[in-house]
Amino acid sequence: MQVNEQRQGEVIVLSLKGKLMGGPETQAVHDKVKDLAENKFMKVVIDLGKVKWMNSSGLGAIMGSLTTLKNAGGELKLANVTDKVKSLFIITKLITIFETHKSVEEAVKSFD
């Protein structure tokens, strides 16, 4: 799992690559979002376009990230959710909790 961070104005884009299947790399995603919230970065987009698959641990890390940001007064949005990953969100009914966008650009603009 690779996590690349990019800043676009007030928005932080975290681009994930690989599989979110638990373990330290999955926890690293949530830890990264915690750090951002602690440093007052309240607008975060997670780009899932290169995530091949995620399991319940991966979902938990994304859910934890959403909760962390909401509790800090921030927002988390998802971009480029692949069909495979989207089906997991639909099955778990989490699709209704997350704001998803077709592209990172669309997600970033939605904060305005």
PDB file of N, CA and C in Angstrom:
ATOM      1  N   MET A   1       0.845  -1.184   0.000  1.00  0.00           N
ATOM      2  CA  MET A   1       0.000   0.000   0.000  1.00  0.00           C
ATOM      3  C   MET A   1       0.886   1.240   0.000  1.00  0.00           C
ATOM      4  N   GLN A   2       0.675   2.078  -0.979  1.00  0.00           N
ATOM      5  CA  GLN A   2       1.397   3.354  -1.039  1.00  0.00           C
ATOM      6  C   GLN A   2       0.409   4.488  -0.790  1.00  0.00           C
ATOM      7  N   VAL A   3       0.849   5.503  -0.059  1.00  0.00           N
ATOM      8  CA  VAL A   3       0.034   6.683   0.199  1.00  0.00           C
ATOM      9  C   VAL A   3       0.821   7.896  -0.255  1.00  0.00           C
ATOM     10  N   ASN A   4       0.288   8.598  -1.246  1.00  0.00           N
ATOM     11  CA  ASN A   4       0.908   9.837  -1.713  1.00  0.00           C
ATOM     12  C   ASN A   4       0.035  10.999  -1.295  1.00  0.00           C
ATOM     13  N   GLU A   5       0.672  12.019  -0.748  1.00  0.00           N
ATOM     14  CA  GLU A   5      -0.058  13.197  -0.276  1.00  0.00           C
ATOM     15  C   GLU A   5       0.220  14.370  -1.202  1.00  0.00           C
ATOM     16  N   GLN A   6      -0.843  15.066  -1.561  1.00  0.00           N
ATOM     17  CA  GLN A   6      -0.708  16.241  -2.420  1.00  0.00           C
ATOM     18  C   GLN A   6      -1.642  17.317  -1.885  1.00  0.00           C
ATOM     19  N   ARG A   7      -1.173  18.545  -1.887  1.00  0.00           N
ATOM     20  CA  ARG A   7      -2.006  19.648  -1.406  1.00  0.00           C
ATOM     21  C   ARG A   7      -2.527  20.448  -2.587  1.00  0.00           C
ATOM     22  N   GLN A   8      -3.843  20.680  -2.577  1.00  0.00           N
ATOM     23  CA  GLN A   8      -4.471  21.516  -3.599  1.00  0.00           C
ATOM     24  C   GLN A   8      -5.247  22.607  -2.882  1.00  0.00           C
ATOM     25  N   GLY A   9      -4.597  23.743  -2.670  1.00  0.00           N
ATOM     26  CA  GLY A   9      -5.206  24.814  -1.889  1.00  0.00           C
ATOM     27  C   GLY A   9      -5.353  24.370  -0.447  1.00  0.00           C
ATOM     28  N   GLU A  10      -6.587  24.405   0.068  1.00  0.00           N
ATOM     29  CA  GLU A  10      -6.846  23.985   1.448  1.00  0.00           C
ATOM     30  C   GLU A  10      -7.146  22.495   1.551  1.00  0.00           C
ATOM     31  N   VAL A  11      -7.176  21.819   0.413  1.00  0.00           N
ATOM     32  CA  VAL A  11      -7.561  20.407   0.385  1.00  0.00           C
ATOM     33  C   VAL A  11      -6.322  19.511   0.290  1.00  0.00           C
ATOM     34  N   ILE A  12      -6.312  18.471   1.108  1.00  0.00           N
ATOM     35  CA  ILE A  12      -5.250  17.460   1.039  1.00  0.00           C
ATOM     36  C   ILE A  12      -5.814  16.253   0.294  1.00  0.00           C
ATOM     37  N   VAL A  13      -5.098  15.816  -0.737  1.00  0.00           N
ATOM     38  CA  VAL A  13      -5.500  14.637  -1.493  1.00  0.00           C
ATOM     39  C   VAL A  13      -4.543  13.499  -1.130  1.00  0.00           C
ATOM     40  N   LEU A  14      -5.118  12.408  -0.624  1.00  0.00           N
ATOM     41  CA  LEU A  14      -4.339  11.213  -0.329  1.00  0.00           C
ATOM     42  C   LEU A  14      -4.648  10.188  -1.410  1.00  0.00           C
ATOM     43  N   SER A  15      -3.657   9.879  -2.230  1.00  0.00           N
ATOM     44  CA  SER A  15      -3.828   8.891  -3.297  1.00  0.00           C
ATOM     45  C   SER A  15      -3.289   7.559  -2.810  1.00  0.00           C
ATOM     46  N   LEU A  16      -4.163   6.577  -2.769  1.00  0.00           N
ATOM     47  CA  LEU A  16      -3.784   5.253  -2.288  1.00  0.00           C
ATOM     48  C   LEU A  16      -3.547   4.334  -3.475  1.00  0.00           C
ATOM     49  N   LYS A  17      -2.579   3.439  -3.333  1.00  0.00           N
ATOM     50  CA  LYS A  17      -2.279   2.484  -4.394  1.00  0.00           C
ATOM     51  C   LYS A  17      -1.995   1.138  -3.764  1.00  0.00           C
ATOM     52  N   GLY A  18      -2.669   0.089  -4.254  1.00  0.00           N
ATOM     53  CA  GLY A  18      -2.458  -1.257  -3.734  1.00  0.00           C
ATOM     54  C   GLY A  18      -3.740  -1.834  -3.186  1.00  0.00           C
ATOM     55  N   LYS A  19      -3.617  -2.583  -2.094  1.00  0.00           N
ATOM     56  CA  LYS A  19      -4.775  -3.216  -1.464  1.00  0.00           C
ATOM     57  C   LYS A  19      -4.877  -2.754  -0.016  1.00  0.00           C
ATOM     58  N   LEU A  20      -6.086  -2.456   0.417  1.00  0.00           N
ATOM     59  CA  LEU A  20      -6.338  -2.100   1.812  1.00  0.00           C
ATOM     60  C   LEU A  20      -6.871  -3.356   2.503  1.00  0.00           C
ATOM     61  N   MET A  21      -5.961  -4.150   3.023  1.00  0.00           N
ATOM     62  CA  MET A  21      -6.336  -5.451   3.572  1.00  0.00           C
ATOM     63  C   MET A  21      -5.940  -5.608   5.043  1.00  0.00           C
ATOM     64  N   GLY A  22      -5.806  -4.517   5.742  1.00  0.00           N
ATOM     65  CA  GLY A  22      -5.415  -4.617   7.146  1.00  0.00           C
ATOM     66  C   GLY A  22      -3.911  -4.499   7.295  1.00  0.00           C
ATOM     67  N   GLY A  23      -3.455  -4.621   8.519  1.00  0.00           N
ATOM     68  CA  GLY A  23      -2.024  -4.529   8.771  1.00  0.00           C
ATOM     69  C   GLY A  23      -1.566  -3.095   8.937  1.00  0.00           C
ATOM     70  N   PRO A  24      -0.254  -2.917   9.110  1.00  0.00           N
ATOM     71  CA  PRO A  24       0.287  -1.589   9.409  1.00  0.00           C
ATOM     72  C   PRO A  24       0.026  -0.560   8.312  1.00  0.00           C
ATOM     73  N   GLU A  25       0.045  -0.987   7.044  1.00  0.00           N
ATOM     74  CA  GLU A  25      -0.150  -0.010   5.966  1.00  0.00           C
ATOM     75  C   GLU A  25      -1.581   0.535   5.949  1.00  0.00           C
ATOM     76  N   THR A  26      -2.544  -0.305   6.322  1.00  0.00           N
ATOM     77  CA  THR A  26      -3.930   0.167   6.397  1.00  0.00           C
ATOM     78  C   THR A  26      -4.083   1.124   7.569  1.00  0.00           C
ATOM     79  N   GLN A  27      -3.481   0.793   8.697  1.00  0.00           N
ATOM     80  CA  GLN A  27      -3.511   1.677   9.862  1.00  0.00           C
ATOM     81  C   GLN A  27      -2.817   2.998   9.542  1.00  0.00           C
ATOM     82  N   ALA A  28      -1.807   2.958   8.686  1.00  0.00           N
ATOM     83  CA  ALA A  28      -1.074   4.174   8.315  1.00  0.00           C
ATOM     84  C   ALA A  28      -1.987   5.196   7.629  1.00  0.00           C
ATOM     85  N   VAL A  29      -2.982   4.722   6.894  1.00  0.00           N
ATOM     86  CA  VAL A  29      -3.923   5.634   6.238  1.00  0.00           C
ATOM     87  C   VAL A  29      -4.696   6.410   7.297  1.00  0.00           C
ATOM     88  N   HIS A  30      -5.245   5.697   8.282  1.00  0.00           N
ATOM     89  CA  HIS A  30      -5.995   6.359   9.352  1.00  0.00           C
ATOM     90  C   HIS A  30      -5.080   7.270  10.167  1.00  0.00           C
ATOM     91  N   ASP A  31      -3.874   6.810  10.453  1.00  0.00           N
ATOM     92  CA  ASP A  31      -2.921   7.636  11.203  1.00  0.00           C
ATOM     93  C   ASP A  31      -2.608   8.927  10.455  1.00  0.00           C
ATOM     94  N   LYS A  32      -2.488   8.843   9.144  1.00  0.00           N
ATOM     95  CA  LYS A  32      -2.210  10.022   8.316  1.00  0.00           C
ATOM     96  C   LYS A  32      -3.350  11.029   8.440  1.00  0.00           C
ATOM     97  N   VAL A  33      -4.580  10.534   8.381  1.00  0.00           N
ATOM     98  CA  VAL A  33      -5.740  11.423   8.502  1.00  0.00           C
ATOM     99  C   VAL A  33      -5.799  12.045   9.900  1.00  0.00           C
ATOM    100  N   LYS A  34      -5.456  11.256  10.926  1.00  0.00           N
ATOM    101  CA  LYS A  34      -5.404  11.799  12.299  1.00  0.00           C
ATOM    102  C   LYS A  34      -4.398  12.948  12.373  1.00  0.00           C
ATOM    103  N   ASP A  35      -3.218  12.751  11.784  1.00  0.00           N
ATOM    104  CA  ASP A  35      -2.192  13.803  11.766  1.00  0.00           C
ATOM    105  C   ASP A  35      -2.710  15.053  11.065  1.00  0.00           C
ATOM    106  N   LEU A  36      -3.378  14.860   9.938  1.00  0.00           N
ATOM    107  CA  LEU A  36      -3.920  16.005   9.195  1.00  0.00           C
ATOM    108  C   LEU A  36      -4.923  16.769  10.049  1.00  0.00           C
ATOM    109  N   ALA A  37      -5.825  16.046  10.714  1.00  0.00           N
ATOM    110  CA  ALA A  37      -6.834  16.692  11.564  1.00  0.00           C
ATOM    111  C   ALA A  37      -6.180  17.448  12.715  1.00  0.00           C
ATOM    112  N   GLU A  38      -5.164  16.837  13.326  1.00  0.00           N
ATOM    113  CA  GLU A  38      -4.461  17.489  14.436  1.00  0.00           C
ATOM    114  C   GLU A  38      -3.753  18.764  13.976  1.00  0.00           C
ATOM    115  N   ASN A  39      -3.349  18.787  12.710  1.00  0.00           N
ATOM    116  CA  ASN A  39      -2.676  19.956  12.148  1.00  0.00           C
ATOM    117  C   ASN A  39      -3.634  20.895  11.422  1.00  0.00           C
ATOM    118  N   LYS A  40      -4.928  20.716  11.712  1.00  0.00           N
ATOM    119  CA  LYS A  40      -5.987  21.608  11.227  1.00  0.00           C
ATOM    120  C   LYS A  40      -6.227  21.567   9.722  1.00  0.00           C
ATOM    121  N   PHE A  41      -5.860  20.458   9.072  1.00  0.00           N
ATOM    122  CA  PHE A  41      -6.245  20.252   7.671  1.00  0.00           C
ATOM    123  C   PHE A  41      -7.587  19.533   7.714  1.00  0.00           C
ATOM    124  N   MET A  42      -8.654  20.259   7.401  1.00  0.00           N
ATOM    125  CA  MET A  42     -10.007  19.745   7.607  1.00  0.00           C
ATOM    126  C   MET A  42     -10.708  19.302   6.324  1.00  0.00           C
ATOM    127  N   LYS A  43     -10.036  19.446   5.198  1.00  0.00           N
ATOM    128  CA  LYS A  43     -10.636  19.046   3.925  1.00  0.00           C
ATOM    129  C   LYS A  43      -9.734  17.996   3.284  1.00  0.00           C
ATOM    130  N   VAL A  44     -10.230  16.758   3.264  1.00  0.00           N
ATOM    131  CA  VAL A  44      -9.414  15.651   2.781  1.00  0.00           C
ATOM    132  C   VAL A  44     -10.177  14.856   1.728  1.00  0.00           C
ATOM    133  N   VAL A  45      -9.472  14.531   0.648  1.00  0.00           N
ATOM    134  CA  VAL A  45     -10.000  13.649  -0.390  1.00  0.00           C
ATOM    135  C   VAL A  45      -9.121  12.404  -0.404  1.00  0.00           C
ATOM    136  N   ILE A  46      -9.752  11.240  -0.376  1.00  0.00           N
ATOM    137  CA  ILE A  46      -9.002   9.989  -0.539  1.00  0.00           C
ATOM    138  C   ILE A  46      -9.298   9.476  -1.942  1.00  0.00           C
ATOM    139  N   ASP A  47      -8.243   9.380  -2.738  1.00  0.00           N
ATOM    140  CA  ASP A  47      -8.342   8.891  -4.110  1.00  0.00           C
ATOM    141  C   ASP A  47      -8.155   7.370  -4.092  1.00  0.00           C
ATOM    142  N   LEU A  48      -9.230   6.657  -4.426  1.00  0.00           N
ATOM    143  CA  LEU A  48      -9.198   5.188  -4.388  1.00  0.00           C
ATOM    144  C   LEU A  48      -9.039   4.575  -5.780  1.00  0.00           C
ATOM    145  N   GLY A  49      -8.694   5.386  -6.770  1.00  0.00           N
ATOM    146  CA  GLY A  49      -8.604   4.919  -8.152  1.00  0.00           C
ATOM    147  C   GLY A  49      -7.621   3.784  -8.383  1.00  0.00           C
ATOM    148  N   LYS A  50      -6.583   3.678  -7.550  1.00  0.00           N
ATOM    149  CA  LYS A  50      -5.578   2.627  -7.734  1.00  0.00           C
ATOM    150  C   LYS A  50      -5.617   1.583  -6.627  1.00  0.00           C
ATOM    151  N   VAL A  51      -6.740   1.561  -5.897  1.00  0.00           N
ATOM    152  CA  VAL A  51      -6.923   0.532  -4.873  1.00  0.00           C
ATOM    153  C   VAL A  51      -7.610  -0.653  -5.535  1.00  0.00           C
ATOM    154  N   LYS A  52      -6.882  -1.770  -5.592  1.00  0.00           N
ATOM    155  CA  LYS A  52      -7.405  -2.962  -6.270  1.00  0.00           C
ATOM    156  C   LYS A  52      -8.513  -3.634  -5.468  1.00  0.00           C
ATOM    157  N   TRP A  53      -8.352  -3.673  -4.165  1.00  0.00           N
ATOM    158  CA  TRP A  53      -9.347  -4.325  -3.328  1.00  0.00           C
ATOM    159  C   TRP A  53      -9.182  -3.875  -1.889  1.00  0.00           C
ATOM    160  N   MET A  54     -10.267  -3.958  -1.115  1.00  0.00           N
ATOM    161  CA  MET A  54     -10.167  -3.724   0.327  1.00  0.00           C
ATOM    162  C   MET A  54     -11.091  -4.693   1.041  1.00  0.00           C
ATOM    163  N   ASN A  55     -10.692  -5.035   2.256  1.00  0.00           N
ATOM    164  CA  ASN A  55     -11.527  -5.907   3.075  1.00  0.00           C
ATOM    165  C   ASN A  55     -12.122  -5.088   4.218  1.00  0.00           C
ATOM    166  N   SER A  56     -12.665  -5.761   5.218  1.00  0.00           N
ATOM    167  CA  SER A  56     -13.299  -5.047   6.326  1.00  0.00           C
ATOM    168  C   SER A  56     -12.309  -4.172   7.089  1.00  0.00           C
ATOM    169  N   SER A  57     -11.060  -4.581   7.160  1.00  0.00           N
ATOM    170  CA  SER A  57     -10.046  -3.757   7.831  1.00  0.00           C
ATOM    171  C   SER A  57      -9.818  -2.461   7.070  1.00  0.00           C
ATOM    172  N   GLY A  58      -9.773  -2.564   5.753  1.00  0.00           N
ATOM    173  CA  GLY A  58      -9.628  -1.374   4.919  1.00  0.00           C
ATOM    174  C   GLY A  58     -10.819  -0.446   5.066  1.00  0.00           C
ATOM    175  N   LEU A  59     -12.021  -1.049   5.058  1.00  0.00           N
ATOM    176  CA  LEU A  59     -13.243  -0.256   5.272  1.00  0.00           C
ATOM    177  C   LEU A  59     -13.202   0.432   6.635  1.00  0.00           C
ATOM    178  N   GLY A  60     -12.727  -0.303   7.630  1.00  0.00           N
ATOM    179  CA  GLY A  60     -12.622   0.257   8.977  1.00  0.00           C
ATOM    180  C   GLY A  60     -11.691   1.458   9.027  1.00  0.00           C
ATOM    181  N   ALA A  61     -10.587   1.379   8.299  1.00  0.00           N
ATOM    182  CA  ALA A  61      -9.631   2.494   8.269  1.00  0.00           C
ATOM    183  C   ALA A  61     -10.251   3.721   7.605  1.00  0.00           C
ATOM    184  N   ILE A  62     -11.018   3.503   6.535  1.00  0.00           N
ATOM    185  CA  ILE A  62     -11.680   4.619   5.844  1.00  0.00           C
ATOM    186  C   ILE A  62     -12.781   5.206   6.742  1.00  0.00           C
ATOM    187  N   MET A  63     -13.549   4.313   7.395  1.00  0.00           N
ATOM    188  CA  MET A  63     -14.592   4.765   8.329  1.00  0.00           C
ATOM    189  C   MET A  63     -13.979   5.548   9.493  1.00  0.00           C
ATOM    190  N   GLY A  64     -12.890   5.019  10.037  1.00  0.00           N
ATOM    191  CA  GLY A  64     -12.204   5.702  11.132  1.00  0.00           C
ATOM    192  C   GLY A  64     -11.701   7.070  10.714  1.00  0.00           C
ATOM    193  N   SER A  65     -11.224   7.158   9.474  1.00  0.00           N
ATOM    194  CA  SER A  65     -10.744   8.441   8.942  1.00  0.00           C
ATOM    195  C   SER A  65     -11.886   9.439   8.842  1.00  0.00           C
ATOM    196  N   LEU A  66     -13.033   8.970   8.364  1.00  0.00           N
ATOM    197  CA  LEU A  66     -14.212   9.827   8.257  1.00  0.00           C
ATOM    198  C   LEU A  66     -14.637  10.329   9.633  1.00  0.00           C
ATOM    199  N   THR A  67     -14.691   9.429  10.604  1.00  0.00           N
ATOM    200  CA  THR A  67     -15.094   9.786  11.966  1.00  0.00           C
ATOM    201  C   THR A  67     -14.118  10.775  12.590  1.00  0.00           C
ATOM    202  N   THR A  68     -12.831  10.524  12.424  1.00  0.00           N
ATOM    203  CA  THR A  68     -11.803  11.419  12.967  1.00  0.00           C
ATOM    204  C   THR A  68     -11.980  12.836  12.438  1.00  0.00           C
ATOM    205  N   LEU A  69     -12.156  12.956  11.127  1.00  0.00           N
ATOM    206  CA  LEU A  69     -12.304  14.282  10.528  1.00  0.00           C
ATOM    207  C   LEU A  69     -13.611  14.949  10.941  1.00  0.00           C
ATOM    208  N   LYS A  70     -14.708  14.190  10.947  1.00  0.00           N
ATOM    209  CA  LYS A  70     -15.999  14.765  11.350  1.00  0.00           C
ATOM    210  C   LYS A  70     -15.935  15.277  12.781  1.00  0.00           C
ATOM    211  N   ASN A  71     -15.336  14.490  13.673  1.00  0.00           N
ATOM    212  CA  ASN A  71     -15.229  14.892  15.077  1.00  0.00           C
ATOM    213  C   ASN A  71     -14.370  16.141  15.246  1.00  0.00           C
ATOM    214  N   ALA A  72     -13.446  16.355  14.310  1.00  0.00           N
ATOM    215  CA  ALA A  72     -12.574  17.534  14.369  1.00  0.00           C
ATOM    216  C   ALA A  72     -13.202  18.724  13.625  1.00  0.00           C
ATOM    217  N   GLY A  73     -14.393  18.502  13.045  1.00  0.00           N
ATOM    218  CA  GLY A  73     -15.062  19.579  12.310  1.00  0.00           C
ATOM    219  C   GLY A  73     -14.693  19.618  10.837  1.00  0.00           C
ATOM    220  N   GLY A  74     -14.108  18.536  10.343  1.00  0.00           N
ATOM    221  CA  GLY A  74     -13.676  18.503   8.946  1.00  0.00           C
ATOM    222  C   GLY A  74     -14.552  17.610   8.091  1.00  0.00           C
ATOM    223  N   GLU A  75     -14.105  17.426   6.854  1.00  0.00           N
ATOM    224  CA  GLU A  75     -14.842  16.615   5.888  1.00  0.00           C
ATOM    225  C   GLU A  75     -13.901  15.686   5.142  1.00  0.00           C
ATOM    226  N   LEU A  76     -14.402  14.502   4.847  1.00  0.00           N
ATOM    227  CA  LEU A  76     -13.668  13.528   4.046  1.00  0.00           C
ATOM    228  C   LEU A  76     -14.532  13.142   2.856  1.00  0.00           C
ATOM    229  N   LYS A  77     -13.933  13.170   1.673  1.00  0.00           N
ATOM    230  CA  LYS A  77     -14.640  12.766   0.465  1.00  0.00           C
ATOM    231  C   LYS A  77     -13.794  11.741  -0.273  1.00  0.00           C
ATOM    232  N   LEU A  78     -14.467  10.876  -1.010  1.00  0.00           N
ATOM    233  CA  LEU A  78     -13.781   9.832  -1.763  1.00  0.00           C
ATOM    234  C   LEU A  78     -13.851  10.145  -3.249  1.00  0.00           C
ATOM    235  N   ALA A  79     -12.792   9.778  -3.970  1.00  0.00           N
ATOM    236  CA  ALA A  79     -12.754  10.002  -5.416  1.00  0.00           C
ATOM    237  C   ALA A  79     -12.285   8.739  -6.121  1.00  0.00           C
ATOM    238  N   ASN A  80     -12.716   8.605  -7.376  1.00  0.00           N
ATOM    239  CA  ASN A  80     -12.267   7.496  -8.243  1.00  0.00           C
ATOM    240  C   ASN A  80     -12.492   6.122  -7.622  1.00  0.00           C
ATOM    241  N   VAL A  81     -13.647   5.927  -6.998  1.00  0.00           N
ATOM    242  CA  VAL A  81     -13.932   4.639  -6.374  1.00  0.00           C
ATOM    243  C   VAL A  81     -14.181   3.613  -7.488  1.00  0.00           C
ATOM    244  N   THR A  82     -13.376   2.568  -7.522  1.00  0.00           N
ATOM    245  CA  THR A  82     -13.511   1.555  -8.572  1.00  0.00           C
ATOM    246  C   THR A  82     -14.792   0.751  -8.360  1.00  0.00           C
ATOM    247  N   ASP A  83     -15.264   0.101  -9.410  1.00  0.00           N
ATOM    248  CA  ASP A  83     -16.494  -0.690  -9.315  1.00  0.00           C
ATOM    249  C   ASP A  83     -16.384  -1.779  -8.253  1.00  0.00           C
ATOM    250  N   LYS A  84     -15.226  -2.426  -8.182  1.00  0.00           N
ATOM    251  CA  LYS A  84     -15.009  -3.494  -7.208  1.00  0.00           C
ATOM    252  C   LYS A  84     -15.160  -2.965  -5.778  1.00  0.00           C
ATOM    253  N   VAL A  85     -14.505  -1.841  -5.509  1.00  0.00           N
ATOM    254  CA  VAL A  85     -14.556  -1.250  -4.170  1.00  0.00           C
ATOM    255  C   VAL A  85     -15.943  -0.670  -3.906  1.00  0.00           C
ATOM    256  N   LYS A  86     -16.542  -0.056  -4.925  1.00  0.00           N
ATOM    257  CA  LYS A  86     -17.877   0.521  -4.775  1.00  0.00           C
ATOM    258  C   LYS A  86     -18.890  -0.566  -4.404  1.00  0.00           C
ATOM    259  N   SER A  87     -18.752  -1.754  -4.973  1.00  0.00           N
ATOM    260  CA  SER A  87     -19.679  -2.846  -4.646  1.00  0.00           C
ATOM    261  C   SER A  87     -19.597  -3.198  -3.160  1.00  0.00           C
ATOM    262  N   LEU A  88     -18.402  -3.116  -2.596  1.00  0.00           N
ATOM    263  CA  LEU A  88     -18.221  -3.368  -1.171  1.00  0.00           C
ATOM    264  C   LEU A  88     -18.942  -2.292  -0.347  1.00  0.00           C
ATOM    265  N   PHE A  89     -18.839  -1.041  -0.777  1.00  0.00           N
ATOM    266  CA  PHE A  89     -19.547   0.049  -0.090  1.00  0.00           C
ATOM    267  C   PHE A  89     -21.060  -0.135  -0.187  1.00  0.00           C
ATOM    268  N   ILE A  90     -21.537  -0.620  -1.321  1.00  0.00           N
ATOM    269  CA  ILE A  90     -22.977  -0.827  -1.510  1.00  0.00           C
ATOM    270  C   ILE A  90     -23.469  -1.975  -0.631  1.00  0.00           C
ATOM    271  N   ILE A  91     -22.740  -3.087  -0.637  1.00  0.00           N
ATOM    272  CA  ILE A  91     -23.124  -4.258   0.161  1.00  0.00           C
ATOM    273  C   ILE A  91     -23.207  -3.905   1.648  1.00  0.00           C
ATOM    274  N   THR A  92     -22.248  -3.108   2.116  1.00  0.00           N
ATOM    275  CA  THR A  92     -22.200  -2.748   3.540  1.00  0.00           C
ATOM    276  C   THR A  92     -23.066  -1.531   3.858  1.00  0.00           C
ATOM    277  N   LYS A  93     -23.700  -0.971   2.834  1.00  0.00           N
ATOM    278  CA  LYS A  93     -24.554   0.224   2.956  1.00  0.00           C
ATOM    279  C   LYS A  93     -23.772   1.473   3.388  1.00  0.00           C
ATOM    280  N   LEU A  94     -22.454   1.402   3.293  1.00  0.00           N
ATOM    281  CA  LEU A  94     -21.633   2.562   3.644  1.00  0.00           C
ATOM    282  C   LEU A  94     -21.636   3.608   2.533  1.00  0.00           C
ATOM    283  N   ILE A  95     -22.139   3.238   1.367  1.00  0.00           N
ATOM    284  CA  ILE A  95     -22.189   4.171   0.238  1.00  0.00           C
ATOM    285  C   ILE A  95     -23.023   5.405   0.606  1.00  0.00           C
ATOM    286  N   THR A  96     -23.973   5.235   1.523  1.00  0.00           N
ATOM    287  CA  THR A  96     -24.835   6.356   1.922  1.00  0.00           C
ATOM    288  C   THR A  96     -24.129   7.300   2.897  1.00  0.00           C
ATOM    289  N   ILE A  97     -23.046   6.845   3.498  1.00  0.00           N
ATOM    290  CA  ILE A  97     -22.331   7.649   4.497  1.00  0.00           C
ATOM    291  C   ILE A  97     -21.254   8.516   3.844  1.00  0.00           C
ATOM    292  N   PHE A  98     -20.657   7.990   2.771  1.00  0.00           N
ATOM    293  CA  PHE A  98     -19.553   8.692   2.125  1.00  0.00           C
ATOM    294  C   PHE A  98     -20.025   9.527   0.946  1.00  0.00           C
ATOM    295  N   GLU A  99     -19.399  10.665   0.805  1.00  0.00           N
ATOM    296  CA  GLU A  99     -19.615  11.481  -0.388  1.00  0.00           C
ATOM    297  C   GLU A  99     -18.565  11.055  -1.406  1.00  0.00           C
ATOM    298  N   THR A 100     -19.032  10.537  -2.538  1.00  0.00           N
ATOM    299  CA  THR A 100     -18.097  10.051  -3.551  1.00  0.00           C
ATOM    300  C   THR A 100     -18.172  10.907  -4.807  1.00  0.00           C
ATOM    301  N   HIS A 101     -17.041  10.996  -5.496  1.00  0.00           N
ATOM    302  CA  HIS A 101     -16.933  11.791  -6.727  1.00  0.00           C
ATOM    303  C   HIS A 101     -16.193  10.995  -7.787  1.00  0.00           C
ATOM    304  N   LYS A 102     -16.487  11.309  -9.042  1.00  0.00           N
ATOM    305  CA  LYS A 102     -15.876  10.581 -10.164  1.00  0.00           C
ATOM    306  C   LYS A 102     -14.399  10.880 -10.324  1.00  0.00           C
ATOM    307  N   SER A 103     -13.970  12.083  -9.905  1.00  0.00           N
ATOM    308  CA  SER A 103     -12.567  12.466 -10.063  1.00  0.00           C
ATOM    309  C   SER A 103     -12.098  13.252  -8.846  1.00  0.00           C
ATOM    310  N   VAL A 104     -10.778  13.329  -8.696  1.00  0.00           N
ATOM    311  CA  VAL A 104     -10.196  14.124  -7.610  1.00  0.00           C
ATOM    312  C   VAL A 104     -10.571  15.589  -7.799  1.00  0.00           C
ATOM    313  N   GLU A 105     -10.502  16.069  -9.045  1.00  0.00           N
ATOM    314  CA  GLU A 105     -10.816  17.473  -9.332  1.00  0.00           C
ATOM    315  C   GLU A 105     -12.240  17.815  -8.884  1.00  0.00           C
ATOM    316  N   GLU A 106     -13.183  16.916  -9.213  1.00  0.00           N
ATOM    317  CA  GLU A 106     -14.586  17.120  -8.826  1.00  0.00           C
ATOM    318  C   GLU A 106     -14.721  17.147  -7.309  1.00  0.00           C
ATOM    319  N   ALA A 107     -14.038  16.236  -6.629  1.00  0.00           N
ATOM    320  CA  ALA A 107     -14.089  16.171  -5.167  1.00  0.00           C
ATOM    321  C   ALA A 107     -13.513  17.444  -4.534  1.00  0.00           C
ATOM    322  N   VAL A 108     -12.377  17.909  -5.063  1.00  0.00           N
ATOM    323  CA  VAL A 108     -11.735  19.115  -4.536  1.00  0.00           C
ATOM    324  C   VAL A 108     -12.659  20.314  -4.717  1.00  0.00           C
ATOM    325  N   LYS A 109     -13.250  20.440  -5.900  1.00  0.00           N
ATOM    326  CA  LYS A 109     -14.159  21.569  -6.184  1.00  0.00           C
ATOM    327  C   LYS A 109     -15.403  21.536  -5.296  1.00  0.00           C
ATOM    328  N   SER A 110     -15.827  20.351  -4.878  1.00  0.00           N
ATOM    329  CA  SER A 110     -17.053  20.229  -4.091  1.00  0.00           C
ATOM    330  C   SER A 110     -16.923  20.850  -2.700  1.00  0.00           C
ATOM    331  N   PHE A 111     -15.711  21.144  -2.256  1.00  0.00           N
ATOM    332  CA  PHE A 111     -15.517  21.788  -0.951  1.00  0.00           C
ATOM    333  C   PHE A 111     -15.882  23.267  -0.990  1.00  0.00           C
ATOM    334  N   ASP A 112     -15.900  23.864  -2.168  1.00  0.00           N
ATOM    335  CA  ASP A 112     -16.166  25.316  -2.276  1.00  0.00           C
ATOM    336  C   ASP A 112     -17.611  25.650  -1.977  1.00  0.00           C
TER     337      ASP A 112
END
